Amino acid sequence: MTESPIPPQPTGGRQDDLHRGRPPVEPAFSEAGRFLCAGTYIDAGYRDRVIKELYVHEERIVAPSYGFDASRVLAHALRARRAELGWALGVLGAWFVGSVLTGGALALLLVPFLLLSLAGWLGARSGLLARLLSIVVRIYAWWNLLVLLFLILLVWLALLGAFDDTGGSIGLGALIFSQGIGGVATGFVIGWVPAVFAAVVTVVGLQRGYVARTIANDLNRDRYAHRPTDPAEAEVGVRFARVRRRIVDEQHSPLIMYDINHPFAGAGQAYRPWQESFELRPREDLPEGTAPDQLTNARILEAIVPLVERLRVPSPHGSPEARAAVLDRMQELVVDQCVFLPGDGLGHRDEGPHLRADFETHRAAAIEEGGERRRHFLRIRVGGWDENMVVTLFVRVHTQGGMMMVEMAPHVLLPVHVAFHNADADAHRYLNNNRFGKVLWALRHTPGSFTASLVTLGRGVASWVRIAAGGHGGARPEGPRVSVRELAAQDNGSLFHLMDLDRYLKTIQDRVIAGITLVLHEAGWHTEAFARRAGIHIENYVGAAYDSAISMGGSGNHNSTHRGSHGGR
C-alpha cells in the first residue's frame, strides 16, 4: 500500500507555533464537560443512561468524546447515584419512623401523595386521555388531602378542648373521639402528624441543599479546572478504575472502533452529508504527448491539509497585539486523520490498545484501499463555545476505474441541554434564597418524595442486578450504541450557535473543495465538473443553519432522557 506523505496530526494536543493557531480547550476541563457532570445530579434519567452505557455495559467501547472527558462524567454520575440512594433511604426512613410515631396516621397522607405522583406521570404523557385522567386524579388527590388535613385540624381542636375542660367532660374532644377517631391517647398521637410531617419536609429540603452545594462548590469553574481535587474521582472502586482506564485509552484515539449501525456515534447529528462521483478527464491544454499525473488518495489529502490549516491563522489586523487579541474559534481548529474499524472484530475489549498502537499501519493501508468496514477519513473539527458546540467534518476521497469519489460527512454536536447549562444559576438561586422560599420548595416537592425515593432504590437495584447477572464482563466487545454527550444535546441552538455552525461548515468545505480542485488542476485533470457540482452543495448551506431545526442526516440525536427528574426532587 502507498504510504501517506501527510504527517500525523495532533488529535487535540498543544501547539506552540503561531501559524498552527491556538490550542483547543482541554477536554477534561471544558465547560461542556462541566455541564454534563452537573446534569448527572439534576437529571436521574440522564444519570442512569450514563451509568448504563459506560459502567454497566463494560463490554461496549466508548464513543469518541469530542470536547469533554467521559471518565469525569461517569465519576460524577456514580457519585450522584450513591448520594441519591442515601437520601432516598433517608426519606423513606423518615416516612417509616413518622408513621410509627403517629400510629400509622402519617401513612394516610401517602394515599393522596401517591395519587399526585400518578397525576404528574399521566400529565407527562402525550395523549389527550392521559392528560384528562391526570386532571381527574389530581382533583381527587387534593380532595382527599384536604379532608385529611381537616380531620387533623379537628383532632387538634379536640385536644385543645380536652386540655381546657376541667369538669370531667372533654367537650369537642369527646364528640370527635366518640365518632370513631379514638381515645385521647390516639388523638394525641394523630395530633403530632404535623410535627412529624415537618421532619419529612426537612429531609427533602436538606437533599436539595446538598445537590445545590455540590454544583455550586465542587463543580464551579475554578475547582473543576483543578482535577486532582475532584471528590468524585477520589472515590475509586475496582470496577470504576478498570472502566476509567479503558475510557481514557479509547475516547480520544484516532482509531475508532464503531458499531456498524451507528458509525459516527459521538460526533452528533449528521448535517447535510453529501458525496459526488465524477469522471477524471485530462485537460485539453496539456502539451501534446503529455499525460495527466496519476492520482492517489494520499496526494489529494496532502493538498487539502495545508489549506485547511491556514484557517487557524488570523488576519494581520495591523499589529501583533491586535492579531493576538482575535478570539475566533477557528484558531483552535483541529485537523487529523482517523480510521474506523468495526468494534465486533475484537475478541476482548482489552485488545484495543494493541490495535491502537498500530494506528499508522492501519492508516497507511486504509487510505488507499477504499474498504467498506475499515474506512479512512480526514477529520476536521472546531469546538465552539468552550466545546459546547462541536462541528466535525469527515472527508473521504477515493479513485477507482477512472472515477473520483468525494464524501463529505459534516456532524454537529449542539449545545448541552438548557437545564444542565443553568445548573449553576439554579443552585446559587436556591442557596441564596431565604428560609421561607426554601420551605416552600420543600413543601412543594414532599408529596412526590416517597414515590421518587422508591424509584431511585428500584433503579439502583436494577443496575446492580444488570451488573451481577448480565454477563457483561466476559461479553464480546461492541461498538458504542450512544454517546453521553449526544444524550445531553439540545434539539436546536440559538441563532448565534446556528450562525457559527453555518460559518464553520461553509468555510471549511470551501477550503476542502479548493484543495481538491488545486490538486486536480496541477495533475492535469479537468476541474470544472467537480467544482460546479461541489459548489452546488456548498450553496445549499446558505441559510440552512437558520432553519427551525437541524436536518437529520443519519446518526440521529438519541435525546431521550427524561428532563425534570431531579436528584433534588
Protein backbone atom coordinates (compact mmCIF):
# COMPACT_ATOMS: atom_id res chain seq x y z
CA MET A 1 0.00 0.00 0.00
CA THR A 2 1.11 3.56 -0.68
CA GLU A 3 2.34 5.35 2.44
CA SER A 4 0.62 8.68 3.01
CA PRO A 5 3.03 11.64 2.92
CA ILE A 6 0.76 13.62 5.24
CA PRO A 7 2.49 13.95 8.61
CA PRO A 8 0.49 12.71 11.61
CA GLN A 9 -1.66 15.47 13.03
CA PRO A 10 -2.36 16.03 16.74
CA THR A 11 -5.77 14.91 17.97
CA GLY A 12 -6.18 17.79 20.36
CA GLY A 13 -2.77 18.41 21.89
CA ARG A 14 -0.93 21.65 22.49
CA GLN A 15 0.54 23.57 19.53
CA ASP A 16 3.05 26.34 20.13
CA ASP A 17 3.62 27.53 16.57
CA LEU A 18 1.62 30.73 15.95
CA HIS A 19 0.86 29.61 12.41
CA ARG A 20 -0.71 26.48 13.81
CA GLY A 21 -3.20 28.54 15.74
CA ARG A 22 -4.26 28.47 19.35
CA PRO A 23 -4.53 25.19 21.29
CA PRO A 24 -8.11 23.98 21.67
CA VAL A 25 -9.81 23.76 25.04
CA GLU A 26 -8.51 20.85 27.09
CA PRO A 27 -11.36 18.28 27.01
CA ALA A 28 -11.03 17.37 30.68
CA PHE A 29 -11.68 21.00 31.73
CA SER A 30 -14.19 22.19 29.14
CA GLU A 31 -17.45 23.92 30.03
CA ALA A 32 -19.34 21.27 28.08
CA GLY A 33 -17.86 18.56 30.30
CA ARG A 34 -18.70 20.54 33.44
CA PHE A 35 -22.31 20.91 32.31
CA LEU A 36 -22.53 17.16 31.70
CA CYS A 37 -21.22 16.44 35.19
CA ALA A 38 -23.78 18.84 36.68
CA GLY A 39 -26.50 17.12 34.68
CA THR A 40 -25.88 13.83 36.48
CA TYR A 41 -27.01 15.45 39.74
CA ILE A 42 -30.20 17.07 38.45
CA ASP A 43 -31.46 14.56 35.88
CA ALA A 44 -31.91 10.99 37.13
CA GLY A 45 -32.79 9.73 33.64
CA TYR A 46 -29.59 11.10 32.15
CA ARG A 47 -27.52 9.79 35.06
CA ASP A 48 -28.91 6.28 34.58
CA ARG A 49 -28.13 6.34 30.86
CA VAL A 50 -24.54 7.39 31.57
CA ILE A 51 -24.05 4.61 34.12
CA LYS A 52 -25.71 2.01 31.91
CA GLU A 53 -23.67 2.86 28.82
CA LEU A 54 -20.25 3.43 30.41
CA TYR A 55 -20.31 1.36 33.60
CA VAL A 56 -22.81 -1.49 33.35
CA HIS A 57 -22.03 -2.38 29.72
CA GLU A 58 -18.30 -2.57 30.21
CA GLU A 59 -18.00 -4.60 27.02
CA ARG A 60 -19.01 -1.56 24.95
CA ILE A 61 -16.26 0.63 23.59
CA VAL A 62 -16.83 4.27 24.47
CA ALA A 63 -17.86 6.68 21.73
CA PRO A 64 -15.33 9.38 20.76
CA SER A 65 -15.50 12.21 23.30
CA TYR A 66 -15.36 15.46 21.35
CA GLY A 67 -14.54 18.32 23.70
CA PHE A 68 -15.08 16.56 27.05
CA ASP A 69 -13.81 13.71 29.20
CA ALA A 70 -16.34 10.89 29.57
CA SER A 71 -14.49 9.39 32.54
CA ARG A 72 -15.21 12.52 34.63
CA VAL A 73 -18.87 12.43 33.66
CA LEU A 74 -19.08 8.79 34.76
CA ALA A 75 -17.31 9.55 38.03
CA HIS A 76 -19.86 12.22 38.90
CA ALA A 77 -22.76 10.03 37.75
CA LEU A 78 -21.67 7.29 40.16
CA ARG A 79 -21.17 9.79 42.97
CA ALA A 80 -24.58 11.36 42.32
CA ARG A 81 -26.24 7.95 42.38
CA ARG A 82 -24.57 6.99 45.67
CA ALA A 83 -25.71 10.24 47.22
CA GLU A 84 -29.26 9.93 45.91
CA LEU A 85 -29.54 6.36 47.18
CA GLY A 86 -28.54 7.60 50.61
CA TRP A 87 -31.06 10.42 50.53
CA ALA A 88 -33.76 8.06 49.25
CA LEU A 89 -33.18 5.79 52.24
CA GLY A 90 -33.34 8.85 54.48
CA VAL A 91 -36.66 10.00 53.01
CA LEU A 92 -38.21 6.51 53.25
CA GLY A 93 -36.84 6.17 56.77
CA ALA A 94 -38.42 9.47 57.77
CA TRP A 95 -41.78 8.30 56.40
CA PHE A 96 -41.49 4.98 58.23
CA VAL A 97 -40.45 6.44 61.60
CA GLY A 98 -43.08 9.15 61.29
CA SER A 99 -45.77 6.55 60.59
CA VAL A 100 -44.74 4.54 63.65
CA LEU A 101 -44.71 7.59 65.91
CA THR A 102 -48.15 8.66 64.74
CA GLY A 103 -49.71 5.22 64.94
CA GLY A 104 -49.92 4.97 61.18
CA ALA A 105 -51.71 8.30 60.80
CA LEU A 106 -48.84 9.80 58.78
CA ALA A 107 -49.18 6.95 56.29
CA LEU A 108 -52.69 8.18 55.49
CA LEU A 109 -51.04 11.11 53.69
CA LEU A 110 -49.36 8.68 51.31
CA VAL A 111 -52.63 7.95 49.51
CA PRO A 112 -53.13 11.48 48.15
CA PHE A 113 -49.38 11.88 47.69
CA LEU A 114 -49.18 8.73 45.57
CA LEU A 115 -52.18 9.96 43.59
CA LEU A 116 -50.42 13.27 42.97
CA SER A 117 -47.35 11.38 41.71
CA LEU A 118 -49.59 9.34 39.40
CA ALA A 119 -51.19 12.56 38.15
CA GLY A 120 -47.76 14.01 37.40
CA TRP A 121 -46.79 10.87 35.48
CA LEU A 122 -50.01 10.94 33.45
CA GLY A 123 -49.58 14.65 32.76
CA ALA A 124 -46.21 13.97 31.16
CA ARG A 125 -47.78 11.60 28.63
CA SER A 126 -48.59 12.91 25.16
CA GLY A 127 -52.13 11.52 24.78
CA LEU A 128 -55.23 13.60 25.43
CA LEU A 129 -56.82 10.81 27.51
CA ALA A 130 -53.78 10.64 29.78
CA ARG A 131 -53.90 14.39 30.38
CA LEU A 132 -57.61 14.29 31.18
CA LEU A 133 -57.02 11.43 33.61
CA SER A 134 -54.22 13.47 35.14
CA ILE A 135 -56.62 16.31 35.89
CA VAL A 136 -59.22 13.95 37.40
CA VAL A 137 -56.64 12.13 39.56
CA ARG A 138 -55.12 15.42 40.70
CA ILE A 139 -58.53 16.80 41.78
CA TYR A 140 -59.34 13.58 43.62
CA ALA A 141 -55.95 13.59 45.35
CA TRP A 142 -56.32 17.18 46.54
CA TRP A 143 -59.84 16.43 47.79
CA ASN A 144 -58.53 13.51 49.87
CA LEU A 145 -55.64 15.62 51.13
CA LEU A 146 -57.94 18.46 52.19
CA VAL A 147 -60.24 16.00 54.00
CA LEU A 148 -57.28 14.54 55.90
CA LEU A 149 -55.98 18.00 56.81
CA PHE A 150 -59.46 18.96 58.03
CA LEU A 151 -59.64 15.86 60.23
CA ILE A 152 -56.19 16.58 61.67
CA LEU A 153 -57.32 20.12 62.40
CA LEU A 154 -60.39 18.77 64.22
CA VAL A 155 -58.16 16.48 66.27
CA TRP A 156 -56.03 19.44 67.30
CA LEU A 157 -59.12 21.37 68.28
CA ALA A 158 -60.37 18.34 70.19
CA LEU A 159 -57.12 18.03 72.09
CA LEU A 160 -57.18 21.69 72.98
CA GLY A 161 -60.77 21.24 74.20
CA ALA A 162 -59.76 18.23 76.27
CA PHE A 163 -56.92 20.04 77.99
CA ASP A 164 -59.07 23.13 78.71
CA ASP A 165 -62.03 21.18 80.18
CA THR A 166 -61.94 20.92 83.97
CA GLY A 167 -65.38 19.45 84.65
CA GLY A 168 -64.78 15.88 83.54
CA SER A 169 -66.27 16.42 80.11
CA ILE A 170 -63.88 16.77 77.24
CA GLY A 171 -66.42 18.65 75.11
CA LEU A 172 -65.49 18.69 71.43
CA GLY A 173 -62.77 16.10 72.01
CA ALA A 174 -65.30 13.62 73.40
CA LEU A 175 -67.61 14.26 70.48
CA ILE A 176 -64.89 13.64 67.89
CA PHE A 177 -63.41 10.61 69.57
CA SER A 178 -66.82 9.04 70.05
CA GLN A 179 -67.37 9.24 66.29
CA GLY A 180 -64.57 6.81 65.57
CA ILE A 181 -61.36 8.60 65.75
CA GLY A 182 -60.32 7.06 69.01
CA GLY A 183 -59.44 7.92 72.55
CA VAL A 184 -57.44 10.78 73.95
CA ALA A 185 -54.18 8.87 73.51
CA THR A 186 -54.90 8.11 69.86
CA GLY A 187 -55.96 11.65 69.24
CA PHE A 188 -52.79 12.90 70.89
CA VAL A 189 -50.68 10.72 68.57
CA ILE A 190 -52.58 11.88 65.50
CA GLY A 191 -52.14 15.43 66.64
CA TRP A 192 -48.39 15.02 66.21
CA VAL A 193 -48.76 14.37 62.47
CA PRO A 194 -47.87 17.99 61.50
CA ALA A 195 -44.69 17.92 63.58
CA VAL A 196 -43.55 14.57 62.14
CA PHE A 197 -44.50 15.67 58.63
CA ALA A 198 -42.30 18.73 59.15
CA ALA A 199 -39.39 16.36 59.77
CA VAL A 200 -40.01 14.68 56.39
CA VAL A 201 -40.13 18.11 54.73
CA THR A 202 -36.80 18.92 56.39
CA VAL A 203 -35.14 15.82 54.93
CA VAL A 204 -36.41 16.72 51.45
CA GLY A 205 -35.08 20.26 51.85
CA LEU A 206 -31.69 19.03 53.06
CA GLN A 207 -31.38 16.82 49.99
CA ARG A 208 -32.00 19.78 47.69
CA GLY A 209 -29.43 21.78 49.63
CA TYR A 210 -26.85 19.03 49.18
CA VAL A 211 -27.34 18.97 45.40
CA ALA A 212 -27.15 22.77 45.19
CA ARG A 213 -23.94 22.92 47.26
CA THR A 214 -22.35 20.16 45.18
CA ILE A 215 -22.97 22.04 41.94
CA ALA A 216 -22.07 25.46 43.36
CA ASN A 217 -18.89 24.29 45.13
CA ASP A 218 -17.50 21.03 43.73
CA LEU A 219 -18.45 21.85 40.13
CA ASN A 220 -17.71 25.55 39.97
CA ARG A 221 -15.34 26.65 37.21
CA ASP A 222 -12.25 27.08 39.38
CA ARG A 223 -12.50 23.78 41.21
CA TYR A 224 -13.49 21.82 38.11
CA ALA A 225 -10.34 23.08 36.40
CA HIS A 226 -8.25 21.60 39.24
CA ARG A 227 -8.81 17.92 38.60
CA PRO A 228 -6.77 16.45 41.48
CA THR A 229 -9.25 17.92 43.98
CA ASP A 230 -12.33 16.48 42.27
CA PRO A 231 -14.06 14.46 45.03
CA ALA A 232 -15.90 12.27 42.50
CA GLU A 233 -12.68 10.85 41.08
CA ALA A 234 -11.24 10.27 44.53
CA GLU A 235 -13.87 7.58 45.20
CA VAL A 236 -12.31 4.84 43.09
CA GLY A 237 -13.53 1.24 43.16
CA VAL A 238 -12.03 -1.71 41.30
CA ARG A 239 -14.67 -1.74 38.57
CA PHE A 240 -14.59 2.03 38.08
CA ALA A 241 -10.79 2.03 37.88
CA ARG A 242 -10.92 -0.64 35.17
CA VAL A 243 -13.65 1.14 33.20
CA ARG A 244 -11.96 4.53 33.52
CA ARG A 245 -8.68 3.16 32.19
CA ARG A 246 -10.48 1.86 29.11
CA ILE A 247 -12.39 5.10 28.55
CA VAL A 248 -9.20 7.18 28.76
CA ASP A 249 -7.50 4.86 26.27
CA GLU A 250 -10.37 4.88 23.77
CA GLN A 251 -12.19 8.21 23.83
CA HIS A 252 -9.64 10.37 22.00
CA SER A 253 -7.98 7.72 19.88
CA PRO A 254 -7.70 8.28 16.09
CA LEU A 255 -8.51 4.58 15.66
CA ILE A 256 -12.28 4.48 16.19
CA MET A 257 -13.93 1.16 16.99
CA TYR A 258 -17.51 1.65 15.83
CA ASP A 259 -20.90 -0.04 15.79
CA ILE A 260 -21.99 -0.64 12.19
CA ASN A 261 -25.46 0.76 12.93
CA HIS A 262 -24.06 3.98 14.48
CA PRO A 263 -20.63 4.52 12.92
CA PHE A 264 -20.38 8.22 13.77
CA ALA A 265 -21.64 7.90 17.35
CA GLY A 266 -20.19 10.71 19.42
CA ALA A 267 -19.93 13.26 16.62
CA GLY A 268 -23.57 14.36 16.92
CA GLN A 269 -26.18 14.85 14.23
CA ALA A 270 -25.30 14.34 10.59
CA TYR A 271 -25.80 17.74 8.95
CA ARG A 272 -26.43 17.60 5.18
CA PRO A 273 -23.83 14.99 4.20
CA TRP A 274 -23.10 14.74 0.51
CA GLN A 275 -20.97 12.85 -1.98
CA GLU A 276 -20.04 13.25 -5.62
CA SER A 277 -18.60 10.94 -8.23
CA PHE A 278 -17.19 12.29 -11.48
CA GLU A 279 -15.11 11.18 -14.44
CA LEU A 280 -11.41 12.04 -14.43
CA ARG A 281 -10.80 13.66 -17.81
CA PRO A 282 -7.44 15.05 -18.98
CA ARG A 283 -7.28 18.80 -19.57
CA GLU A 284 -7.26 19.88 -23.23
CA ASP A 285 -4.48 22.42 -22.68
CA LEU A 286 -1.88 19.82 -21.73
CA PRO A 287 1.18 19.78 -24.01
CA GLU A 288 0.90 17.26 -26.80
CA GLY A 289 2.09 13.86 -25.76
CA THR A 290 1.77 14.70 -22.06
CA ALA A 291 -0.47 12.56 -19.87
CA PRO A 292 -2.02 13.66 -16.55
CA ASP A 293 -0.31 12.55 -13.37
CA GLN A 294 -1.68 9.54 -11.59
CA LEU A 295 -3.68 10.49 -8.51
CA THR A 296 -3.63 8.74 -5.15
CA ASN A 297 -5.91 9.39 -2.24
CA ALA A 298 -2.91 10.39 -0.17
CA ARG A 299 -1.84 13.03 -2.67
CA ILE A 300 -5.31 14.57 -2.68
CA LEU A 301 -5.42 14.80 1.11
CA GLU A 302 -1.90 16.22 1.12
CA ALA A 303 -3.21 19.19 -0.86
CA ILE A 304 -6.23 19.67 1.42
CA VAL A 305 -4.48 19.75 4.80
CA PRO A 306 -2.33 22.91 4.46
CA LEU A 307 -5.21 24.93 3.03
CA VAL A 308 -7.47 23.93 5.91
CA GLU A 309 -4.75 24.56 8.49
CA ARG A 310 -4.37 28.13 7.24
CA LEU A 311 -7.84 28.82 8.61
CA ARG A 312 -6.23 28.88 12.06
CA VAL A 313 -4.21 31.97 11.22
CA PRO A 314 -5.94 35.31 11.97
CA SER A 315 -5.62 38.28 9.64
CA PRO A 316 -2.73 40.71 10.40
CA HIS A 317 -5.02 43.36 11.98
CA GLY A 318 -2.25 45.98 11.79
CA SER A 319 -0.23 44.91 14.84
CA PRO A 320 0.84 41.75 16.65
CA GLU A 321 -1.20 42.84 19.69
CA ALA A 322 -4.40 43.22 17.69
CA ARG A 323 -3.76 39.91 15.99
CA ALA A 324 -3.18 38.17 19.32
CA ALA A 325 -6.48 39.58 20.62
CA VAL A 326 -8.53 37.71 17.99
CA LEU A 327 -10.77 35.14 19.69
CA ASP A 328 -12.17 33.35 16.65
CA ARG A 329 -12.57 29.65 17.45
CA MET A 330 -11.26 28.78 14.00
CA GLN A 331 -7.81 29.32 15.53
CA GLU A 332 -8.46 26.18 17.58
CA LEU A 333 -9.33 24.10 14.51
CA VAL A 334 -8.00 20.53 14.73
CA VAL A 335 -7.04 18.52 11.65
CA ASP A 336 -6.15 14.87 11.97
CA GLN A 337 -6.66 11.52 10.31
CA CYS A 338 -8.79 8.74 11.74
CA VAL A 339 -9.55 5.17 10.81
CA PHE A 340 -12.85 3.43 11.55
CA LEU A 341 -12.81 -0.25 12.47
CA PRO A 342 -15.85 -2.36 13.48
CA GLY A 343 -15.80 -3.00 17.20
CA ASP A 344 -17.20 -6.51 16.90
CA GLY A 345 -13.95 -7.72 15.38
CA LEU A 346 -12.20 -7.87 18.75
CA GLY A 347 -12.04 -10.92 20.97
CA HIS A 348 -11.95 -8.77 24.11
CA ARG A 349 -12.16 -5.04 24.76
CA ASP A 350 -8.66 -5.01 26.23
CA GLU A 351 -7.24 -5.98 22.82
CA GLY A 352 -7.98 -2.43 21.66
CA PRO A 353 -4.73 -0.86 22.93
CA HIS A 354 -2.70 -3.23 20.77
CA LEU A 355 -4.68 -2.21 17.68
CA ARG A 356 -4.36 1.48 18.52
CA ALA A 357 -0.62 1.07 18.87
CA ASP A 358 -0.61 0.02 15.18
CA PHE A 359 -2.61 3.06 14.05
CA GLU A 360 -0.01 4.10 11.48
CA THR A 361 -0.20 0.67 9.86
CA HIS A 362 -3.98 0.86 9.67
CA ARG A 363 -3.89 4.42 8.34
CA ALA A 364 -1.38 3.66 5.61
CA ALA A 365 -3.41 0.67 4.45
CA ALA A 366 -6.90 2.19 4.77
CA ILE A 367 -6.15 5.46 2.96
CA GLU A 368 -5.88 3.73 -0.42
CA GLU A 369 -7.93 0.56 -0.10
CA GLY A 370 -11.42 2.13 -0.12
CA GLY A 371 -12.81 -0.66 2.02
CA GLU A 372 -16.28 -0.92 3.48
CA ARG A 373 -15.58 -1.94 7.07
CA ARG A 374 -12.24 -0.22 7.55
CA ARG A 375 -12.53 3.40 6.44
CA HIS A 376 -10.08 6.26 6.48
CA PHE A 377 -11.20 9.88 6.94
CA LEU A 378 -9.58 13.24 7.17
CA ARG A 379 -11.21 14.72 10.27
CA ILE A 380 -11.55 18.49 10.72
CA ARG A 381 -13.05 19.77 13.97
CA VAL A 382 -13.93 23.12 15.56
CA GLY A 383 -15.09 23.28 19.18
CA GLY A 384 -17.08 26.48 19.62
CA TRP A 385 -18.39 28.00 22.84
CA ASP A 386 -15.86 26.15 25.04
CA GLU A 387 -16.64 22.87 23.27
CA ASN A 388 -20.35 23.41 23.89
CA MET A 389 -20.98 23.27 20.12
CA VAL A 390 -18.71 20.98 18.14
CA VAL A 391 -18.59 20.90 14.35
CA THR A 392 -16.78 17.97 12.76
CA LEU A 393 -16.28 17.35 9.06
CA PHE A 394 -15.25 13.87 7.89
CA VAL A 395 -13.69 13.88 4.41
CA ARG A 396 -13.02 10.79 2.31
CA VAL A 397 -11.70 10.61 -1.24
CA HIS A 398 -11.22 7.58 -3.43
CA THR A 399 -10.18 6.98 -7.02
CA GLN A 400 -11.39 3.89 -8.84
CA GLY A 401 -11.70 2.97 -12.52
CA GLY A 402 -11.02 6.47 -13.82
CA MET A 403 -13.55 7.98 -11.40
CA MET A 404 -13.09 10.08 -8.29
CA MET A 405 -15.46 9.84 -5.33
CA VAL A 406 -15.58 12.57 -2.72
CA GLU A 407 -17.53 12.12 0.52
CA MET A 408 -18.32 14.93 2.98
CA ALA A 409 -19.97 13.97 6.26
CA PRO A 410 -20.48 17.06 8.45
CA HIS A 411 -21.64 16.37 12.01
CA VAL A 412 -22.79 18.76 14.70
CA LEU A 413 -22.91 18.43 18.47
CA LEU A 414 -25.43 21.06 19.53
CA PRO A 415 -25.16 22.81 22.92
CA VAL A 416 -25.77 20.94 26.14
CA HIS A 417 -29.36 20.99 27.39
CA VAL A 418 -30.53 24.26 28.91
CA ALA A 419 -31.27 22.66 32.30
CA PHE A 420 -27.66 21.47 32.55
CA HIS A 421 -26.35 24.82 31.37
CA ASN A 422 -28.41 26.64 34.00
CA ALA A 423 -27.50 24.28 36.86
CA ASP A 424 -25.06 26.85 38.27
CA ALA A 425 -27.61 29.64 38.32
CA ASP A 426 -30.33 27.41 39.80
CA ALA A 427 -28.01 26.19 42.56
CA HIS A 428 -26.91 29.71 43.53
CA ARG A 429 -30.50 30.94 43.44
CA TYR A 430 -31.58 28.22 45.84
CA LEU A 431 -28.62 28.68 48.21
CA ASN A 432 -29.15 32.45 48.36
CA ASN A 433 -32.90 32.18 48.82
CA ASN A 434 -34.47 33.00 52.20
CA ARG A 435 -35.78 30.34 54.57
CA PHE A 436 -39.36 30.93 53.56
CA GLY A 437 -38.56 30.20 49.92
CA LYS A 438 -36.63 27.04 50.82
CA VAL A 439 -39.50 25.80 52.99
CA LEU A 440 -41.99 26.38 50.18
CA TRP A 441 -39.72 24.45 47.78
CA ALA A 442 -39.53 21.52 50.18
CA LEU A 443 -43.30 21.55 50.80
CA ARG A 444 -43.97 21.54 47.06
CA HIS A 445 -41.70 18.54 46.47
CA THR A 446 -42.52 16.48 49.56
CA PRO A 447 -45.67 14.86 48.06
CA GLY A 448 -43.54 13.23 45.37
CA SER A 449 -40.63 12.34 47.65
CA PHE A 450 -41.93 8.90 48.64
CA THR A 451 -42.50 7.74 45.06
CA ALA A 452 -39.25 9.28 43.83
CA SER A 453 -37.30 7.54 46.58
CA LEU A 454 -38.85 4.18 45.71
CA VAL A 455 -37.98 4.72 42.04
CA THR A 456 -34.41 5.65 43.00
CA LEU A 457 -33.97 2.47 45.02
CA GLY A 458 -35.53 0.44 42.23
CA ARG A 459 -33.10 1.90 39.71
CA GLY A 460 -30.17 1.17 41.99
CA VAL A 461 -31.24 -2.45 42.50
CA ALA A 462 -31.88 -2.90 38.76
CA SER A 463 -28.42 -1.55 37.94
CA TRP A 464 -26.81 -3.91 40.45
CA VAL A 465 -28.73 -6.87 39.01
CA ARG A 466 -27.62 -5.96 35.47
CA ILE A 467 -24.01 -5.85 36.64
CA ALA A 468 -24.21 -9.07 38.65
CA ALA A 469 -26.27 -11.17 36.24
CA GLY A 470 -25.84 -9.54 32.83
CA GLY A 471 -22.57 -11.25 31.94
CA HIS A 472 -21.16 -8.02 30.54
CA GLY A 473 -17.64 -8.54 31.89
CA GLY A 474 -16.97 -11.51 29.64
CA ALA A 475 -19.17 -10.47 26.71
CA ARG A 476 -17.84 -9.96 23.20
CA PRO A 477 -16.86 -6.31 22.62
CA GLU A 478 -19.34 -3.99 20.96
CA GLY A 479 -19.07 -0.60 19.38
CA PRO A 480 -20.74 2.32 21.15
CA ARG A 481 -24.53 2.45 20.99
CA VAL A 482 -24.91 6.04 22.18
CA SER A 483 -22.76 8.94 23.28
CA VAL A 484 -23.35 10.53 26.67
CA ARG A 485 -22.65 13.89 25.03
CA GLU A 486 -25.31 13.32 22.37
CA LEU A 487 -27.82 12.29 25.05
CA ALA A 488 -27.43 15.71 26.67
CA ALA A 489 -27.58 17.79 23.48
CA GLN A 490 -30.39 20.20 22.72
CA ASP A 491 -32.60 19.65 19.70
CA ASN A 492 -31.70 23.10 18.42
CA GLY A 493 -29.40 26.01 19.17
CA SER A 494 -29.70 29.75 19.47
CA LEU A 495 -29.32 31.95 16.42
CA PHE A 496 -25.73 32.70 17.49
CA HIS A 497 -24.96 28.99 17.60
CA LEU A 498 -26.53 28.35 14.22
CA MET A 499 -24.75 31.29 12.62
CA ASP A 500 -21.41 29.95 13.85
CA LEU A 501 -22.34 26.47 12.64
CA ASP A 502 -23.07 27.79 9.17
CA ARG A 503 -19.82 29.78 9.05
CA TYR A 504 -17.63 26.91 10.21
CA LEU A 505 -19.04 24.39 7.77
CA LYS A 506 -19.13 26.65 4.73
CA THR A 507 -15.59 27.93 5.34
CA ILE A 508 -14.07 24.50 5.91
CA GLN A 509 -15.83 22.88 2.97
CA ASP A 510 -14.78 25.75 0.68
CA ARG A 511 -11.16 25.07 1.61
CA VAL A 512 -11.52 21.32 1.15
CA ILE A 513 -13.01 21.81 -2.30
CA ALA A 514 -10.27 24.31 -3.13
CA GLY A 515 -7.64 21.76 -2.18
CA ILE A 516 -9.17 19.03 -4.33
CA THR A 517 -9.58 21.42 -7.25
CA LEU A 518 -5.95 22.52 -6.91
CA VAL A 519 -4.52 19.01 -6.96
CA LEU A 520 -6.71 18.04 -9.93
CA HIS A 521 -5.54 21.04 -11.91
CA GLU A 522 -1.87 20.54 -11.06
CA ALA A 523 -2.10 16.89 -12.00
CA GLY A 524 -3.55 17.75 -15.41
CA TRP A 525 -7.19 16.81 -14.87
CA HIS A 526 -10.37 18.77 -15.56
CA THR A 527 -11.75 20.59 -12.51
CA GLU A 528 -14.86 22.26 -13.90
CA ALA A 529 -17.29 19.39 -13.31
CA PHE A 530 -16.18 18.80 -9.75
CA ALA A 531 -16.06 22.49 -8.80
CA ARG A 532 -19.54 23.05 -10.23
CA ARG A 533 -21.16 20.09 -8.52
CA ALA A 534 -19.43 20.68 -5.20
CA GLY A 535 -20.30 24.36 -5.33
CA ILE A 536 -23.98 23.49 -5.57
CA HIS A 537 -23.75 21.53 -2.32
CA ILE A 538 -21.97 24.40 -0.57
CA GLU A 539 -24.52 26.95 -1.76
CA ASN A 540 -27.25 24.78 -0.30
CA TYR A 541 -25.79 25.57 3.10
CA VAL A 542 -26.66 29.25 2.76
CA GLY A 543 -29.37 29.95 5.29
CA ALA A 544 -29.69 26.27 6.21
CA ALA A 545 -28.44 26.85 9.73
CA TYR A 546 -31.27 29.27 10.39
CA ASP A 547 -33.95 26.64 9.93
CA SER A 548 -36.15 25.89 12.91
CA ALA A 549 -34.49 22.51 13.40
CA ILE A 550 -31.32 20.75 12.32
CA SER A 551 -31.99 18.39 9.44
CA MET A 552 -31.27 14.80 10.33
CA GLY A 553 -28.88 13.06 8.01
CA GLY A 554 -28.14 9.68 9.52
CA SER A 555 -26.77 9.39 13.03
CA GLY A 556 -29.65 10.82 14.99
CA ASN A 557 -29.66 12.58 18.30
CA HIS A 558 -30.98 9.86 20.62
CA ASN A 559 -32.02 12.63 23.02
CA SER A 560 -34.39 10.56 25.11
CA THR A 561 -33.60 11.34 28.71
CA HIS A 562 -36.44 12.44 30.94
CA ARG A 563 -35.97 16.08 31.84
CA GLY A 564 -37.09 17.29 35.21
CA SER A 565 -36.34 14.10 37.14
CA HIS A 566 -34.11 15.96 39.53
CA GLY A 567 -31.82 14.40 42.05
CA GLY A 568 -33.03 17.05 44.50
CA ARG A 569 -36.64 16.10 43.74
